[in-house]
Amino acid sequence: MIRTLVDGADLLFTNEYESHLLQQKTGWNETEVLARVGTWVTTRAADGVLVRQADAEPISVIAVPETKPVEPTGGGDALRAGFIAGRMWGLGLERATQLGSAVATAAVEVIGTQEYDLPRESFLARFAEAFGADAAGEVAPHLPG
């Protein structure tokens, strides 16, 4: 059943544990998984995010440093939301992953899985600190004013 769910997916999101479990349960190695999906995004907690595609160099994105981690529940969902929003806005894989990382950090700094807020100016300042002014400039036009 797992093979059927994964095979042909455009996007596959896993955390590290799920990544290993997926390979164990399907009998597929990393190369075999990548041959069946478009893009594989794996969250690695404090080590950030790894984005892989079959015929491309992996993209590694840092986890935006937390100032006050409170509740890890919801971080993965927030990462996916930021990533998918970035892709829908036309951002490249790396920038969309950076956006996801920043949204995930905001999510784990509050209690509740959907209670986070992304005030434009402070979010962009934090984004620029983590990924640079050019990266923030690319994301800024897509954020509400």
Protein backbone atom coordinates (compact mmCIF):
# COMPACT_ATOMS: atom_id res chain seq x y z
CA MET A 1 0.00 0.00 0.00
CA ILE A 2 2.86 2.43 0.77
CA ARG A 3 4.38 1.78 -2.64
CA THR A 4 1.07 2.66 -4.29
CA LEU A 5 0.75 5.89 -2.28
CA VAL A 6 4.29 7.04 -3.10
CA ASP A 7 4.75 5.90 -6.69
CA GLY A 8 4.16 8.82 -9.05
CA ALA A 9 3.90 11.52 -6.39
CA ASP A 10 4.93 14.97 -7.56
CA LEU A 11 5.88 15.94 -4.00
CA LEU A 12 6.80 13.60 -1.17
CA PHE A 13 7.20 15.10 2.31
CA THR A 14 8.75 13.06 5.12
CA ASN A 15 10.65 13.68 8.29
CA GLU A 16 13.84 11.67 8.88
CA TYR A 17 12.06 8.92 10.75
CA GLU A 18 9.40 8.60 8.05
CA SER A 19 12.11 8.59 5.38
CA HIS A 20 13.78 5.56 6.95
CA LEU A 21 10.47 3.85 7.62
CA LEU A 22 9.37 4.42 4.02
CA GLN A 23 12.52 2.77 2.72
CA GLN A 24 12.24 -0.10 5.17
CA LYS A 25 8.57 -0.82 4.43
CA THR A 26 8.81 -0.49 0.64
CA GLY A 27 12.20 -2.15 0.27
CA TRP A 28 13.25 0.79 -1.90
CA ASN A 29 16.52 2.63 -1.36
CA GLU A 30 16.85 6.40 -1.77
CA THR A 31 17.59 6.15 -5.50
CA GLU A 32 14.58 3.94 -6.07
CA VAL A 33 12.30 6.34 -4.19
CA LEU A 34 13.66 9.29 -6.18
CA ALA A 35 13.00 7.41 -9.42
CA ARG A 36 9.31 7.31 -8.45
CA VAL A 37 8.67 10.83 -7.17
CA GLY A 38 9.21 14.31 -8.55
CA THR A 39 10.59 16.00 -5.45
CA TRP A 40 11.33 14.49 -2.04
CA VAL A 41 11.39 16.95 0.87
CA THR A 42 12.72 15.63 4.17
CA THR A 43 12.67 17.65 7.37
CA ARG A 44 15.60 17.08 9.70
CA ALA A 45 14.60 19.04 12.82
CA ALA A 46 17.46 21.34 13.88
CA ASP A 47 19.47 20.21 10.84
CA GLY A 48 16.98 21.86 8.49
CA VAL A 49 15.47 20.46 5.32
CA LEU A 50 16.82 18.29 2.51
CA VAL A 51 15.22 18.52 -0.94
CA ARG A 52 16.07 15.82 -3.47
CA GLN A 53 15.21 15.10 -7.08
CA ALA A 54 16.42 12.20 -9.22
CA ASP A 55 18.59 14.18 -11.62
CA ALA A 56 19.66 17.13 -9.49
CA GLU A 57 22.03 17.98 -6.70
CA PRO A 58 20.34 17.88 -3.28
CA ILE A 59 19.36 21.20 -1.74
CA SER A 60 20.03 21.62 1.96
CA VAL A 61 18.32 24.49 3.78
CA ILE A 62 19.06 25.48 7.35
CA ALA A 63 16.41 25.53 10.03
CA VAL A 64 15.70 29.16 10.86
CA PRO A 65 17.03 29.57 14.40
CA GLU A 66 14.31 29.52 17.03
CA THR A 67 14.17 32.29 19.58
CA LYS A 68 11.71 30.62 21.91
CA PRO A 69 10.69 27.10 20.90
CA VAL A 70 7.49 26.18 22.69
CA GLU A 71 5.64 23.43 20.84
CA PRO A 72 7.02 21.28 17.99
CA THR A 73 3.59 20.04 16.96
CA GLY A 74 2.57 21.71 13.72
CA GLY A 75 6.07 22.56 12.53
CA GLY A 76 5.97 20.05 9.70
CA ASP A 77 2.56 21.21 8.54
CA ALA A 78 3.76 24.83 8.61
CA LEU A 79 6.85 23.89 6.60
CA ARG A 80 4.69 22.24 3.97
CA ALA A 81 2.36 25.25 3.86
CA GLY A 82 5.25 27.67 3.35
CA PHE A 83 6.91 25.43 0.77
CA ILE A 84 3.74 24.93 -1.25
CA ALA A 85 2.85 28.63 -1.08
CA GLY A 86 6.33 29.48 -2.33
CA ARG A 87 6.05 27.06 -5.23
CA MET A 88 2.60 28.43 -6.10
CA TRP A 89 4.13 31.92 -6.16
CA GLY A 90 6.69 30.68 -8.68
CA LEU A 91 9.64 30.55 -6.30
CA GLY A 92 12.38 28.01 -6.97
CA LEU A 93 12.87 24.93 -4.82
CA GLU A 94 15.52 26.46 -2.58
CA ARG A 95 13.60 29.69 -1.94
CA ALA A 96 10.34 27.83 -1.33
CA THR A 97 12.13 25.54 1.12
CA GLN A 98 13.59 28.56 2.90
CA LEU A 99 10.11 30.02 3.15
CA GLY A 100 8.83 26.75 4.57
CA SER A 101 11.66 26.70 7.10
CA ALA A 102 10.84 30.23 8.26
CA VAL A 103 7.11 29.50 8.59
CA ALA A 104 7.88 26.29 10.50
CA THR A 105 10.04 28.18 12.98
CA ALA A 106 7.24 30.68 13.59
CA ALA A 107 4.87 27.77 14.20
CA VAL A 108 6.99 26.05 16.84
CA GLU A 109 7.40 29.25 18.82
CA VAL A 110 3.75 29.33 19.92
CA ILE A 111 1.40 26.94 21.66
CA GLY A 112 -1.09 25.42 19.23
CA THR A 113 -0.62 23.99 15.79
CA GLN A 114 -2.14 26.90 13.85
CA GLU A 115 -1.78 29.81 16.24
CA TYR A 116 1.30 31.41 14.69
CA ASP A 117 1.32 34.81 13.06
CA LEU A 118 3.65 36.11 10.34
CA PRO A 119 3.85 39.91 10.72
CA ARG A 120 5.31 41.10 7.42
CA GLU A 121 8.18 43.28 8.61
CA SER A 122 9.45 41.06 11.43
CA PHE A 123 9.04 37.94 9.27
CA LEU A 124 11.04 39.50 6.43
CA ALA A 125 13.73 40.74 8.80
CA ARG A 126 14.13 37.29 10.27
CA PHE A 127 14.06 35.73 6.80
CA ALA A 128 16.77 38.12 5.61
CA GLU A 129 18.89 37.35 8.67
CA ALA A 130 18.69 33.63 7.93
CA PHE A 131 18.88 33.64 4.12
CA GLY A 132 20.05 37.09 3.01
CA ALA A 133 18.52 40.31 1.75
CA ASP A 134 18.16 39.04 -1.83
CA ALA A 135 16.16 36.04 -0.63
CA ALA A 136 13.89 38.26 1.46
CA GLY A 137 13.46 40.59 -1.50
CA GLU A 138 12.27 37.69 -3.63
CA VAL A 139 9.68 36.64 -1.03
CA ALA A 140 8.50 40.13 -0.01
CA PRO A 141 6.22 40.87 -3.00
CA HIS A 142 4.14 37.82 -2.16
CA LEU A 143 3.45 38.72 1.46
CA PRO A 144 0.42 40.82 2.39
CA GLY A 145 1.21 44.44 3.21
